[in-house]
Amino acid sequence: MLVVIEHHSRRLNHFNVTAHPTAQWTRQQLREAVGYEEQYAYLLHDRDSIFSTEVDESIERLGLRVLKSPPRSPKANALCELVLGTLRRECLDWLIPLSEAHLHQSLR
């Protein structure tokens, strides 16, 4: 699952799920989340392998500064961790997703 949260307003801007995330899929999700109307200054992400150097370069081409959270520091991006934990507890503790589409619909 990929979630994009605006830290200032704590608003969930975008989410999507896939069983097999790739760098190309991540780039596309970030393009959809950032768009062209809003102006954001930076994108904070963890050090997951899905955020390759190509993804970081494409984020910078969108006009954003890339900030990486420190290794093994879940509290550095506490807002995102809180949202993911809430989604797990509220949705996935009570549901067994049958497919990606089923999980996406349940989260929506």
N, C-alpha and C. Protein backbone atom coordinates (compact mmCIF):
# COMPACT_ATOMS: atom_id res chain seq x y z
N MET A 1 0.83 -1.16 0.00
CA MET A 1 0.00 0.00 0.00
C MET A 1 0.89 1.23 0.00
N LEU A 2 0.51 2.20 -0.80
CA LEU A 2 1.20 3.48 -0.85
C LEU A 2 0.20 4.55 -0.43
N VAL A 3 0.56 5.37 0.53
CA VAL A 3 -0.29 6.49 0.93
C VAL A 3 0.52 7.78 0.81
N VAL A 4 -0.15 8.84 0.39
CA VAL A 4 0.46 10.16 0.29
C VAL A 4 -0.36 11.09 1.18
N ILE A 5 0.29 11.66 2.18
CA ILE A 5 -0.37 12.50 3.17
C ILE A 5 0.25 13.89 3.14
N GLU A 6 -0.61 14.91 3.17
CA GLU A 6 -0.12 16.27 3.30
C GLU A 6 0.07 16.54 4.79
N HIS A 7 1.31 16.77 5.20
CA HIS A 7 1.61 16.92 6.63
C HIS A 7 0.94 18.14 7.24
N HIS A 8 0.87 19.23 6.50
CA HIS A 8 0.32 20.47 7.07
C HIS A 8 -1.14 20.30 7.50
N SER A 9 -1.95 19.71 6.61
CA SER A 9 -3.37 19.54 6.92
C SER A 9 -3.70 18.14 7.45
N ARG A 10 -2.72 17.24 7.39
CA ARG A 10 -2.92 15.83 7.77
C ARG A 10 -4.02 15.17 6.95
N ARG A 11 -4.11 15.57 5.70
CA ARG A 11 -5.12 15.05 4.79
C ARG A 11 -4.51 13.94 3.94
N LEU A 12 -5.24 12.85 3.79
CA LEU A 12 -4.82 11.75 2.93
C LEU A 12 -5.12 12.15 1.49
N ASN A 13 -4.07 12.45 0.73
CA ASN A 13 -4.25 12.91 -0.65
C ASN A 13 -4.46 11.78 -1.64
N HIS A 14 -3.77 10.66 -1.42
CA HIS A 14 -3.79 9.60 -2.42
C HIS A 14 -3.41 8.28 -1.76
N PHE A 15 -4.01 7.21 -2.23
CA PHE A 15 -3.58 5.87 -1.81
C PHE A 15 -3.84 4.91 -2.95
N ASN A 16 -3.10 3.84 -2.95
CA ASN A 16 -3.33 2.76 -3.90
C ASN A 16 -2.66 1.51 -3.37
N VAL A 17 -3.08 0.38 -3.89
CA VAL A 17 -2.54 -0.90 -3.45
C VAL A 17 -2.13 -1.72 -4.66
N THR A 18 -1.12 -2.54 -4.47
CA THR A 18 -0.71 -3.50 -5.47
C THR A 18 0.03 -4.64 -4.78
N ALA A 19 -0.08 -5.81 -5.34
CA ALA A 19 0.61 -6.96 -4.76
C ALA A 19 2.10 -6.94 -5.12
N HIS A 20 2.42 -6.31 -6.24
CA HIS A 20 3.81 -6.31 -6.72
C HIS A 20 4.24 -4.88 -7.07
N PRO A 21 4.63 -4.08 -6.08
CA PRO A 21 5.03 -2.71 -6.39
C PRO A 21 6.36 -2.67 -7.14
N THR A 22 6.44 -1.78 -8.08
CA THR A 22 7.67 -1.55 -8.84
C THR A 22 7.99 -0.07 -8.78
N ALA A 23 9.18 0.28 -9.23
CA ALA A 23 9.56 1.69 -9.27
C ALA A 23 8.67 2.45 -10.24
N GLN A 24 8.34 1.84 -11.37
CA GLN A 24 7.47 2.48 -12.35
C GLN A 24 6.08 2.73 -11.77
N TRP A 25 5.51 1.77 -11.05
CA TRP A 25 4.20 1.93 -10.41
C TRP A 25 4.26 3.06 -9.38
N THR A 26 5.33 3.11 -8.60
CA THR A 26 5.48 4.14 -7.59
C THR A 26 5.57 5.52 -8.22
N ARG A 27 6.33 5.65 -9.29
CA ARG A 27 6.44 6.93 -9.99
C ARG A 27 5.08 7.40 -10.48
N GLN A 28 4.29 6.48 -11.05
CA GLN A 28 2.97 6.84 -11.56
C GLN A 28 2.06 7.29 -10.42
N GLN A 29 2.11 6.59 -9.30
CA GLN A 29 1.28 6.98 -8.16
C GLN A 29 1.66 8.37 -7.64
N LEU A 30 2.94 8.66 -7.61
CA LEU A 30 3.38 9.97 -7.15
C LEU A 30 2.98 11.07 -8.12
N ARG A 31 3.02 10.77 -9.43
CA ARG A 31 2.55 11.76 -10.41
C ARG A 31 1.07 12.06 -10.18
N GLU A 32 0.28 11.03 -9.94
CA GLU A 32 -1.14 11.22 -9.70
C GLU A 32 -1.39 11.98 -8.40
N ALA A 33 -0.60 11.72 -7.39
CA ALA A 33 -0.80 12.35 -6.08
C ALA A 33 -0.38 13.81 -6.08
N VAL A 34 0.74 14.12 -6.72
CA VAL A 34 1.26 15.48 -6.69
C VAL A 34 0.49 16.36 -7.66
N GLY A 35 0.21 15.87 -8.84
CA GLY A 35 -0.52 16.65 -9.83
C GLY A 35 0.25 17.89 -10.25
N TYR A 36 -0.48 18.81 -10.86
CA TYR A 36 0.15 20.03 -11.36
C TYR A 36 -0.49 21.28 -10.78
N GLU A 37 -1.64 21.15 -10.10
CA GLU A 37 -2.32 22.31 -9.54
C GLU A 37 -1.68 22.78 -8.23
N GLU A 38 -1.34 21.84 -7.37
CA GLU A 38 -0.82 22.16 -6.05
C GLU A 38 0.70 22.31 -6.11
N GLN A 39 1.24 23.12 -5.24
CA GLN A 39 2.68 23.28 -5.13
C GLN A 39 3.13 22.75 -3.78
N TYR A 40 3.88 21.70 -3.81
CA TYR A 40 4.44 21.12 -2.60
C TYR A 40 5.94 21.38 -2.60
N ALA A 41 6.52 21.45 -1.42
CA ALA A 41 7.95 21.76 -1.31
C ALA A 41 8.80 20.49 -1.26
N TYR A 42 8.32 19.45 -0.61
CA TYR A 42 9.15 18.26 -0.43
C TYR A 42 8.29 17.01 -0.36
N LEU A 43 8.95 15.86 -0.50
CA LEU A 43 8.32 14.56 -0.32
C LEU A 43 9.20 13.78 0.65
N LEU A 44 8.62 13.39 1.76
CA LEU A 44 9.32 12.59 2.77
C LEU A 44 8.93 11.14 2.57
N HIS A 45 9.92 10.28 2.45
CA HIS A 45 9.63 8.85 2.33
C HIS A 45 10.65 8.05 3.12
N ASP A 46 10.30 6.80 3.36
CA ASP A 46 11.21 5.94 4.09
C ASP A 46 12.27 5.39 3.13
N ARG A 47 13.05 4.46 3.61
CA ARG A 47 14.15 3.93 2.80
C ARG A 47 13.82 2.58 2.18
N ASP A 48 12.56 2.37 1.88
CA ASP A 48 12.14 1.15 1.22
C ASP A 48 12.83 1.06 -0.15
N SER A 49 13.10 -0.15 -0.59
CA SER A 49 13.81 -0.34 -1.86
C SER A 49 12.98 0.13 -3.06
N ILE A 50 11.68 0.28 -2.89
CA ILE A 50 10.83 0.75 -3.98
C ILE A 50 11.16 2.19 -4.37
N PHE A 51 11.74 2.95 -3.45
CA PHE A 51 12.14 4.33 -3.72
C PHE A 51 13.58 4.32 -4.23
N SER A 52 13.74 3.92 -5.46
CA SER A 52 15.07 3.82 -6.07
C SER A 52 15.57 5.21 -6.44
N THR A 53 16.79 5.28 -6.93
CA THR A 53 17.34 6.57 -7.35
C THR A 53 16.55 7.13 -8.53
N GLU A 54 16.02 6.26 -9.39
CA GLU A 54 15.20 6.73 -10.51
C GLU A 54 13.93 7.40 -10.00
N VAL A 55 13.31 6.83 -8.97
CA VAL A 55 12.11 7.41 -8.39
C VAL A 55 12.45 8.75 -7.76
N ASP A 56 13.55 8.82 -7.03
CA ASP A 56 13.96 10.08 -6.43
C ASP A 56 14.23 11.15 -7.49
N GLU A 57 14.85 10.77 -8.58
CA GLU A 57 15.11 11.72 -9.67
C GLU A 57 13.81 12.22 -10.29
N SER A 58 12.84 11.32 -10.48
CA SER A 58 11.56 11.75 -11.06
C SER A 58 10.80 12.64 -10.08
N ILE A 59 10.94 12.42 -8.78
CA ILE A 59 10.32 13.29 -7.78
C ILE A 59 10.93 14.68 -7.87
N GLU A 60 12.24 14.74 -8.03
CA GLU A 60 12.91 16.04 -8.16
C GLU A 60 12.50 16.75 -9.45
N ARG A 61 12.24 15.99 -10.53
CA ARG A 61 11.77 16.60 -11.77
C ARG A 61 10.37 17.18 -11.61
N LEU A 62 9.59 16.66 -10.66
CA LEU A 62 8.27 17.23 -10.36
C LEU A 62 8.39 18.52 -9.54
N GLY A 63 9.61 18.89 -9.18
CA GLY A 63 9.83 20.13 -8.45
C GLY A 63 9.83 19.96 -6.94
N LEU A 64 9.97 18.73 -6.47
CA LEU A 64 9.96 18.46 -5.04
C LEU A 64 11.35 18.11 -4.54
N ARG A 65 11.61 18.48 -3.32
CA ARG A 65 12.86 18.08 -2.67
C ARG A 65 12.63 16.74 -1.99
N VAL A 66 13.53 15.80 -2.16
CA VAL A 66 13.40 14.47 -1.58
C VAL A 66 14.04 14.45 -0.20
N LEU A 67 13.25 14.05 0.79
CA LEU A 67 13.75 13.86 2.15
C LEU A 67 13.54 12.41 2.53
N LYS A 68 14.58 11.76 3.01
CA LYS A 68 14.48 10.36 3.43
C LYS A 68 14.54 10.30 4.94
N SER A 69 13.66 9.48 5.51
CA SER A 69 13.70 9.32 6.96
C SER A 69 14.94 8.51 7.34
N PRO A 70 15.44 8.71 8.55
CA PRO A 70 16.63 7.97 8.98
C PRO A 70 16.37 6.46 9.00
N PRO A 71 17.39 5.65 8.81
CA PRO A 71 17.21 4.19 8.84
C PRO A 71 16.65 3.72 10.18
N ARG A 72 15.75 2.75 10.10
CA ARG A 72 15.15 2.12 11.28
C ARG A 72 14.61 3.14 12.28
N SER A 73 13.89 4.15 11.77
CA SER A 73 13.32 5.20 12.63
C SER A 73 11.86 5.44 12.29
N PRO A 74 10.96 4.56 12.71
CA PRO A 74 9.55 4.73 12.36
C PRO A 74 8.94 5.99 12.96
N LYS A 75 9.52 6.51 14.04
CA LYS A 75 8.97 7.72 14.64
C LYS A 75 9.29 8.97 13.83
N ALA A 76 10.22 8.88 12.90
CA ALA A 76 10.59 10.04 12.08
C ALA A 76 9.45 10.43 11.14
N ASN A 77 8.63 9.49 10.75
CA ASN A 77 7.47 9.75 9.91
C ASN A 77 6.23 9.22 10.62
N ALA A 78 6.03 9.72 11.83
CA ALA A 78 5.00 9.19 12.72
C ALA A 78 3.60 9.35 12.16
N LEU A 79 3.33 10.43 11.45
CA LEU A 79 1.99 10.65 10.91
C LEU A 79 1.61 9.56 9.93
N CYS A 80 2.51 9.21 9.05
CA CYS A 80 2.23 8.15 8.08
C CYS A 80 2.09 6.80 8.77
N GLU A 81 2.96 6.53 9.74
CA GLU A 81 2.87 5.28 10.49
C GLU A 81 1.53 5.18 11.22
N LEU A 82 1.04 6.30 11.75
CA LEU A 82 -0.24 6.32 12.44
C LEU A 82 -1.38 6.00 11.49
N VAL A 83 -1.35 6.59 10.30
CA VAL A 83 -2.40 6.33 9.31
C VAL A 83 -2.38 4.87 8.87
N LEU A 84 -1.19 4.34 8.60
CA LEU A 84 -1.10 2.93 8.18
C LEU A 84 -1.57 1.99 9.29
N GLY A 85 -1.22 2.29 10.53
CA GLY A 85 -1.68 1.47 11.65
C GLY A 85 -3.18 1.52 11.80
N THR A 86 -3.77 2.69 11.62
CA THR A 86 -5.23 2.82 11.70
C THR A 86 -5.90 2.04 10.59
N LEU A 87 -5.37 2.12 9.37
CA LEU A 87 -5.94 1.36 8.27
C LEU A 87 -5.87 -0.15 8.54
N ARG A 88 -4.76 -0.59 9.10
CA ARG A 88 -4.64 -2.02 9.41
C ARG A 88 -5.67 -2.43 10.46
N ARG A 89 -5.76 -1.66 11.54
CA ARG A 89 -6.68 -2.01 12.63
C ARG A 89 -8.14 -1.89 12.22
N GLU A 90 -8.49 -0.81 11.54
CA GLU A 90 -9.89 -0.56 11.22
C GLU A 90 -10.39 -1.39 10.04
N CYS A 91 -9.53 -1.69 9.09
CA CYS A 91 -9.96 -2.41 7.90
C CYS A 91 -9.50 -3.86 7.88
N LEU A 92 -8.21 -4.06 8.03
CA LEU A 92 -7.66 -5.39 7.76
C LEU A 92 -7.80 -6.36 8.92
N ASP A 93 -8.02 -5.87 10.13
CA ASP A 93 -8.25 -6.79 11.24
C ASP A 93 -9.63 -7.45 11.15
N TRP A 94 -10.52 -6.88 10.34
CA TRP A 94 -11.89 -7.37 10.25
C TRP A 94 -12.22 -7.94 8.88
N LEU A 95 -11.24 -7.99 8.00
CA LEU A 95 -11.50 -8.34 6.62
C LEU A 95 -10.35 -9.15 6.04
N ILE A 96 -10.69 -10.12 5.25
CA ILE A 96 -9.68 -10.85 4.50
C ILE A 96 -9.84 -10.44 3.03
N PRO A 97 -8.91 -9.64 2.51
CA PRO A 97 -9.04 -9.20 1.12
C PRO A 97 -8.89 -10.37 0.15
N LEU A 98 -9.79 -10.44 -0.80
CA LEU A 98 -9.76 -11.52 -1.78
C LEU A 98 -8.94 -11.16 -3.01
N SER A 99 -8.75 -9.87 -3.25
CA SER A 99 -7.98 -9.41 -4.40
C SER A 99 -7.53 -7.98 -4.16
N GLU A 100 -6.71 -7.46 -5.06
CA GLU A 100 -6.30 -6.06 -4.96
C GLU A 100 -7.51 -5.14 -5.07
N ALA A 101 -8.41 -5.47 -5.99
CA ALA A 101 -9.61 -4.64 -6.18
C ALA A 101 -10.48 -4.64 -4.92
N HIS A 102 -10.61 -5.78 -4.29
CA HIS A 102 -11.39 -5.89 -3.06
C HIS A 102 -10.76 -5.05 -1.94
N LEU A 103 -9.46 -5.11 -1.81
CA LEU A 103 -8.77 -4.31 -0.79
C LEU A 103 -8.91 -2.82 -1.09
N HIS A 104 -8.73 -2.45 -2.36
CA HIS A 104 -8.87 -1.03 -2.73
C HIS A 104 -10.26 -0.52 -2.41
N GLN A 105 -11.28 -1.28 -2.74
CA GLN A 105 -12.67 -0.88 -2.48
C GLN A 105 -12.91 -0.78 -0.97
N SER A 106 -12.38 -1.70 -0.20
CA SER A 106 -12.56 -1.68 1.26
C SER A 106 -11.89 -0.45 1.87
N LEU A 107 -10.70 -0.10 1.41
CA LEU A 107 -10.01 1.06 1.93
C LEU A 107 -10.67 2.36 1.52
N ARG A 108 -11.26 2.36 0.35
CA ARG A 108 -11.95 3.58 -0.12
C ARG A 108 -13.13 3.86 0.78
